[in-house]
């Protein structure tokens, strides 16, 4: 048994690619199902924030409200 990926034969490389592809599909499928599978009424909504008064910062470190 050779423990180097450089000297491995074609079937070993194919096995590695297939295992990586199956693992990637499994992780992507789990992520999609976890994202869309939570329909229990906890939908996130965007909140609008109003801007406050403008503030100018001086070099002395004190802020001035105009």
PDB file of N, CA and C in Angstrom:
ATOM      1  N   UNK A   1       0.852  -1.176   0.000  1.00  0.00           N
ATOM      2  CA  UNK A   1       0.000   0.000   0.000  1.00  0.00           C
ATOM      3  C   UNK A   1       0.896   1.236   0.000  1.00  0.00           C
ATOM      4  N   UNK A   2       0.629   2.121  -0.937  1.00  0.00           N
ATOM      5  CA  UNK A   2       1.396   3.347  -1.047  1.00  0.00           C
ATOM      6  C   UNK A   2       0.572   4.488  -0.457  1.00  0.00           C
ATOM      7  N   UNK A   3       1.172   5.293   0.374  1.00  0.00           N
ATOM      8  CA  UNK A   3       0.444   6.346   1.062  1.00  0.00           C
ATOM      9  C   UNK A   3       0.623   7.713   0.415  1.00  0.00           C
ATOM     10  N   UNK A   4       0.944   7.748  -0.849  1.00  0.00           N
ATOM     11  CA  UNK A   4       1.133   9.012  -1.536  1.00  0.00           C
ATOM     12  C   UNK A   4       0.039   9.202  -2.585  1.00  0.00           C
ATOM     13  N   UNK A   5      -0.552  10.387  -2.633  1.00  0.00           N
ATOM     14  CA  UNK A   5      -1.594  10.661  -3.621  1.00  0.00           C
ATOM     15  C   UNK A   5      -0.986  10.819  -5.012  1.00  0.00           C
ATOM     16  N   UNK A   6       0.278  11.183  -5.083  1.00  0.00           N
ATOM     17  CA  UNK A   6       0.932  11.392  -6.374  1.00  0.00           C
ATOM     18  C   UNK A   6       1.151  10.082  -7.132  1.00  0.00           C
ATOM     19  N   UNK A   7       1.426   9.026  -6.423  1.00  0.00           N
ATOM     20  CA  UNK A   7       1.694   7.753  -7.088  1.00  0.00           C
ATOM     21  C   UNK A   7       0.485   6.821  -7.076  1.00  0.00           C
ATOM     22  N   UNK A   8      -0.678   7.314  -6.689  1.00  0.00           N
ATOM     23  CA  UNK A   8      -1.874   6.481  -6.665  1.00  0.00           C
ATOM     24  C   UNK A   8      -2.356   6.239  -8.095  1.00  0.00           C
ATOM     25  N   UNK A   9      -3.066   5.145  -8.286  1.00  0.00           N
ATOM     26  CA  UNK A   9      -3.542   4.835  -9.631  1.00  0.00           C
ATOM     27  C   UNK A   9      -4.846   5.569  -9.931  1.00  0.00           C
ATOM     28  N   UNK A  10      -5.340   5.364 -11.139  1.00  0.00           N
ATOM     29  CA  UNK A  10      -6.520   6.092 -11.622  1.00  0.00           C
ATOM     30  C   UNK A  10      -7.771   5.772 -10.802  1.00  0.00           C
ATOM     31  N   UNK A  11      -7.945   4.538 -10.395  1.00  0.00           N
ATOM     32  CA  UNK A  11      -9.147   4.171  -9.644  1.00  0.00           C
ATOM     33  C   UNK A  11      -9.161   4.819  -8.261  1.00  0.00           C
ATOM     34  N   UNK A  12      -7.996   4.989  -7.657  1.00  0.00           N
ATOM     35  CA  UNK A  12      -7.928   5.656  -6.362  1.00  0.00           C
ATOM     36  C   UNK A  12      -8.315   7.121  -6.484  1.00  0.00           C
ATOM     37  N   UNK A  13      -7.824   7.780  -7.527  1.00  0.00           N
ATOM     38  CA  UNK A  13      -8.205   9.177  -7.755  1.00  0.00           C
ATOM     39  C   UNK A  13      -9.708   9.293  -8.004  1.00  0.00           C
ATOM     40  N   UNK A  14     -10.262   8.363  -8.767  1.00  0.00           N
ATOM     41  CA  UNK A  14     -11.698   8.382  -9.048  1.00  0.00           C
ATOM     42  C   UNK A  14     -12.504   8.189  -7.763  1.00  0.00           C
ATOM     43  N   UNK A  15     -12.055   7.295  -6.892  1.00  0.00           N
ATOM     44  CA  UNK A  15     -12.747   7.085  -5.623  1.00  0.00           C
ATOM     45  C   UNK A  15     -12.728   8.344  -4.768  1.00  0.00           C
ATOM     46  N   UNK A  16     -11.602   9.031  -4.742  1.00  0.00           N
ATOM     47  CA  UNK A  16     -11.490  10.259  -3.950  1.00  0.00           C
ATOM     48  C   UNK A  16     -12.431  11.329  -4.493  1.00  0.00           C
ATOM     49  N   UNK A  17     -12.491  11.471  -5.807  1.00  0.00           N
ATOM     50  CA  UNK A  17     -13.373  12.472  -6.423  1.00  0.00           C
ATOM     51  C   UNK A  17     -14.830  12.136  -6.151  1.00  0.00           C
ATOM     52  N   UNK A  18     -15.197  10.874  -6.247  1.00  0.00           N
ATOM     53  CA  UNK A  18     -16.594  10.474  -6.012  1.00  0.00           C
ATOM     54  C   UNK A  18     -16.978  10.706  -4.551  1.00  0.00           C
ATOM     55  N   UNK A  19     -16.118  10.359  -3.621  1.00  0.00           N
ATOM     56  CA  UNK A  19     -16.422  10.576  -2.197  1.00  0.00           C
ATOM     57  C   UNK A  19     -16.550  12.067  -1.897  1.00  0.00           C
ATOM     58  N   UNK A  20     -15.667  12.884  -2.470  1.00  0.00           N
ATOM     59  CA  UNK A  20     -15.749  14.331  -2.253  1.00  0.00           C
ATOM     60  C   UNK A  20     -17.023  14.905  -2.848  1.00  0.00           C
ATOM     61  N   UNK A  21     -17.414  14.434  -4.029  1.00  0.00           N
ATOM     62  CA  UNK A  21     -18.642  14.913  -4.665  1.00  0.00           C
ATOM     63  C   UNK A  21     -19.879  14.532  -3.861  1.00  0.00           C
ATOM     64  N   UNK A  22     -19.931  13.304  -3.381  1.00  0.00           N
ATOM     65  CA  UNK A  22     -21.075  12.865  -2.566  1.00  0.00           C
ATOM     66  C   UNK A  22     -21.133  13.643  -1.262  1.00  0.00           C
ATOM     67  N   UNK A  23     -19.995  13.883  -0.643  1.00  0.00           N
ATOM     68  CA  UNK A  23     -19.973  14.650   0.611  1.00  0.00           C
ATOM     69  C   UNK A  23     -20.408  16.092   0.368  1.00  0.00           C
ATOM     70  N   UNK A  24     -19.982  16.690  -0.734  1.00  0.00           N
ATOM     71  CA  UNK A  24     -20.400  18.054  -1.059  1.00  0.00           C
ATOM     72  C   UNK A  24     -21.888  18.157  -1.302  1.00  0.00           C
ATOM     73  N   UNK A  25     -22.442  17.197  -2.024  1.00  0.00           N
ATOM     74  CA  UNK A  25     -23.888  17.187  -2.275  1.00  0.00           C
ATOM     75  C   UNK A  25     -24.650  16.989  -0.975  1.00  0.00           C
ATOM     76  N   UNK A  26     -24.149  16.136  -0.085  1.00  0.00           N
ATOM     77  CA  UNK A  26     -24.816  15.903   1.203  1.00  0.00           C
ATOM     78  C   UNK A  26     -24.814  17.167   2.051  1.00  0.00           C
ATOM     79  N   UNK A  27     -23.695  17.870   2.103  1.00  0.00           N
ATOM     80  CA  UNK A  27     -23.618  19.101   2.892  1.00  0.00           C
ATOM     81  C   UNK A  27     -24.529  20.172   2.304  1.00  0.00           C
ATOM     82  N   UNK A  28     -24.543  20.308   0.981  1.00  0.00           N
ATOM     83  CA  UNK A  28     -25.419  21.297   0.343  1.00  0.00           C
ATOM     84  C   UNK A  28     -26.890  20.953   0.560  1.00  0.00           C
ATOM     85  N   UNK A  29     -27.235  19.679   0.451  1.00  0.00           N
ATOM     86  CA  UNK A  29     -28.620  19.261   0.687  1.00  0.00           C
ATOM     87  C   UNK A  29     -29.054  19.495   2.120  1.00  0.00           C
ATOM     88  N   UNK A  30     -28.166  19.224   3.065  1.00  0.00           N
ATOM     89  CA  UNK A  30     -28.487  19.471   4.472  1.00  0.00           C
ATOM     90  C   UNK A  30     -28.675  20.966   4.727  1.00  0.00           C
ATOM     91  N   UNK A  31     -27.835  21.787   4.127  1.00  0.00           N
ATOM     92  CA  UNK A  31     -27.958  23.236   4.303  1.00  0.00           C
ATOM     93  C   UNK A  31     -29.238  23.787   3.725  1.00  0.00           C
ATOM     94  N   UNK A  32     -29.618  23.305   2.558  1.00  0.00           N
ATOM     95  CA  UNK A  32     -30.859  23.773   1.929  1.00  0.00           C
ATOM     96  C   UNK A  32     -32.065  23.319   2.726  1.00  0.00           C
ATOM     97  N   UNK A  33     -32.065  22.069   3.189  1.00  0.00           N
ATOM     98  CA  UNK A  33     -33.217  21.577   3.947  1.00  0.00           C
ATOM     99  C   UNK A  33     -33.320  22.261   5.309  1.00  0.00           C
ATOM    100  N   UNK A  34     -32.206  22.599   5.917  1.00  0.00           N
ATOM    101  CA  UNK A  34     -32.249  23.289   7.206  1.00  0.00           C
ATOM    102  C   UNK A  34     -32.713  24.720   7.036  1.00  0.00           C
ATOM    103  N   UNK A  35     -32.408  25.330   5.914  1.00  0.00           N
ATOM    104  CA  UNK A  35     -32.799  26.725   5.669  1.00  0.00           C
ATOM    105  C   UNK A  35     -34.278  26.848   5.346  1.00  0.00           C
ATOM    106  N   UNK A  36     -34.814  25.975   4.495  1.00  0.00           N
ATOM    107  CA  UNK A  36     -36.200  26.105   4.053  1.00  0.00           C
ATOM    108  C   UNK A  36     -37.162  25.264   4.876  1.00  0.00           C
ATOM    109  N   UNK A  37     -36.682  24.390   5.734  1.00  0.00           N
ATOM    110  CA  UNK A  37     -37.548  23.490   6.468  1.00  0.00           C
ATOM    111  C   UNK A  37     -38.129  24.069   7.743  1.00  0.00           C
ATOM    112  N   UNK A  38     -37.769  25.282   8.117  1.00  0.00           N
ATOM    113  CA  UNK A  38     -38.256  25.844   9.378  1.00  0.00           C
ATOM    114  C   UNK A  38     -39.437  26.777   9.123  1.00  0.00           C
ATOM    115  N   UNK A  39     -40.623  26.192   8.946  1.00  0.00           N
ATOM    116  CA  UNK A  39     -41.849  26.969   8.748  1.00  0.00           C
ATOM    117  C   UNK A  39     -42.688  26.975  10.016  1.00  0.00           C
ATOM    118  N   UNK A  40     -42.107  27.360  11.131  1.00  0.00           N
ATOM    119  CA  UNK A  40     -42.836  27.358  12.389  1.00  0.00           C
ATOM    120  C   UNK A  40     -43.270  28.754  12.809  1.00  0.00           C
ATOM    121  N   UNK A  41     -43.326  29.699  11.873  1.00  0.00           N
ATOM    122  CA  UNK A  41     -43.801  31.031  12.184  1.00  0.00           C
ATOM    123  C   UNK A  41     -42.738  31.986  12.675  1.00  0.00           C
ATOM    124  N   UNK A  42     -41.498  31.634  12.613  1.00  0.00           N
ATOM    125  CA  UNK A  42     -40.429  32.518  13.072  1.00  0.00           C
ATOM    126  C   UNK A  42     -39.741  33.169  11.878  1.00  0.00           C
ATOM    127  N   UNK A  43     -40.542  33.781  11.021  1.00  0.00           N
ATOM    128  CA  UNK A  43     -40.006  34.423   9.831  1.00  0.00           C
ATOM    129  C   UNK A  43     -39.290  35.703  10.224  1.00  0.00           C
ATOM    130  N   UNK A  44     -38.128  35.921   9.685  1.00  0.00           N
ATOM    131  CA  UNK A  44     -37.380  37.128   9.969  1.00  0.00           C
ATOM    132  C   UNK A  44     -37.825  38.236   9.025  1.00  0.00           C
ATOM    133  N   UNK A  45     -37.997  39.419   9.582  1.00  0.00           N
ATOM    134  CA  UNK A  45     -38.379  40.561   8.773  1.00  0.00           C
ATOM    135  C   UNK A  45     -37.351  41.662   8.950  1.00  0.00           C
ATOM    136  N   UNK A  46     -37.230  42.491   7.939  1.00  0.00           N
ATOM    137  CA  UNK A  46     -36.283  43.599   8.002  1.00  0.00           C
ATOM    138  C   UNK A  46     -36.935  44.776   8.717  1.00  0.00           C
ATOM    139  N   UNK A  47     -36.188  45.442   9.575  1.00  0.00           N
ATOM    140  CA  UNK A  47     -36.697  46.603  10.287  1.00  0.00           C
ATOM    141  C   UNK A  47     -36.061  47.848   9.703  1.00  0.00           C
ATOM    142  N   UNK A  48     -36.849  48.891   9.555  1.00  0.00           N
ATOM    143  CA  UNK A  48     -36.361  50.149   9.006  1.00  0.00           C
ATOM    144  C   UNK A  48     -35.909  51.031  10.152  1.00  0.00           C
ATOM    145  N   UNK A  49     -34.704  51.567  10.034  1.00  0.00           N
ATOM    146  CA  UNK A  49     -34.184  52.466  11.059  1.00  0.00           C
ATOM    147  C   UNK A  49     -34.115  53.872  10.488  1.00  0.00           C
ATOM    148  N   UNK A  50     -34.581  54.848  11.259  1.00  0.00           N
ATOM    149  CA  UNK A  50     -34.496  56.234  10.835  1.00  0.00           C
ATOM    150  C   UNK A  50     -33.163  56.814  11.271  1.00  0.00           C
ATOM    151  N   UNK A  51     -32.610  57.644  10.418  1.00  0.00           N
ATOM    152  CA  UNK A  51     -31.338  58.283  10.739  1.00  0.00           C
ATOM    153  C   UNK A  51     -31.546  59.354  11.792  1.00  0.00           C
ATOM    154  N   UNK A  52     -30.581  59.505  12.681  1.00  0.00           N
ATOM    155  CA  UNK A  52     -30.646  60.522  13.720  1.00  0.00           C
ATOM    156  C   UNK A  52     -30.084  61.844  13.222  1.00  0.00           C
ATOM    157  N   UNK A  53     -29.777  62.697  14.156  1.00  0.00           N
ATOM    158  CA  UNK A  53     -29.212  63.993  13.797  1.00  0.00           C
ATOM    159  C   UNK A  53     -27.785  63.820  13.304  1.00  0.00           C
ATOM    160  N   UNK A  54     -27.351  64.632  12.345  1.00  0.00           N
ATOM    161  CA  UNK A  54     -25.965  64.534  11.879  1.00  0.00           C
ATOM    162  C   UNK A  54     -24.992  65.014  12.948  1.00  0.00           C
ATOM    163  N   UNK A  55     -23.857  64.352  13.039  1.00  0.00           N
ATOM    164  CA  UNK A  55     -22.852  64.673  14.036  1.00  0.00           C
ATOM    165  C   UNK A  55     -21.521  64.875  13.328  1.00  0.00           C
ATOM    166  N   UNK A  56     -20.822  65.951  13.679  1.00  0.00           N
ATOM    167  CA  UNK A  56     -19.495  66.204  13.132  1.00  0.00           C
ATOM    168  C   UNK A  56     -18.462  65.925  14.211  1.00  0.00           C
ATOM    169  N   UNK A  57     -17.449  65.159  13.901  1.00  0.00           N
ATOM    170  CA  UNK A  57     -16.402  64.818  14.848  1.00  0.00           C
ATOM    171  C   UNK A  57     -15.218  65.762  14.620  1.00  0.00           C
ATOM    172  N   UNK A  58     -14.786  66.416  15.691  1.00  0.00           N
ATOM    173  CA  UNK A  58     -13.657  67.334  15.578  1.00  0.00           C
ATOM    174  C   UNK A  58     -12.362  66.617  15.929  1.00  0.00           C
ATOM    175  N   UNK A  59     -11.257  67.277  15.724  1.00  0.00           N
ATOM    176  CA  UNK A  59      -9.966  66.658  16.019  1.00  0.00           C
ATOM    177  C   UNK A  59      -9.697  66.598  17.524  1.00  0.00           C
ATOM    178  N   UNK A  60     -10.418  67.348  18.322  1.00  0.00           N
ATOM    179  CA  UNK A  60     -10.204  67.321  19.762  1.00  0.00           C
ATOM    180  C   UNK A  60     -10.877  66.118  20.433  1.00  0.00           C
ATOM    181  N   UNK A  61     -11.695  65.391  19.678  1.00  0.00           N
ATOM    182  CA  UNK A  61     -12.354  64.228  20.247  1.00  0.00           C
ATOM    183  C   UNK A  61     -13.774  64.514  20.722  1.00  0.00           C
ATOM    184  N   UNK A  62     -14.180  65.780  20.817  1.00  0.00           N
ATOM    185  CA  UNK A  62     -15.533  66.122  21.232  1.00  0.00           C
ATOM    186  C   UNK A  62     -16.417  66.168  20.004  1.00  0.00           C
ATOM    187  N   UNK A  63     -17.669  65.711  20.132  1.00  0.00           N
ATOM    188  CA  UNK A  63     -18.577  65.722  18.993  1.00  0.00           C
ATOM    189  C   UNK A  63     -19.447  66.972  19.046  1.00  0.00           C
ATOM    190  N   UNK A  64     -19.745  67.517  17.877  1.00  0.00           N
ATOM    191  CA  UNK A  64     -20.549  68.715  17.751  1.00  0.00           C
ATOM    192  C   UNK A  64     -21.804  68.374  16.974  1.00  0.00           C
ATOM    193  N   UNK A  65     -22.982  68.685  17.531  1.00  0.00           N
ATOM    194  CA  UNK A  65     -24.237  68.439  16.829  1.00  0.00           C
ATOM    195  C   UNK A  65     -24.617  69.715  16.107  1.00  0.00           C
ATOM    196  N   UNK A  66     -24.847  69.609  14.802  1.00  0.00           N
ATOM    197  CA  UNK A  66     -25.196  70.796  14.014  1.00  0.00           C
ATOM    198  C   UNK A  66     -26.655  70.796  13.686  1.00  0.00           C
TER     199      UNK A  66
END
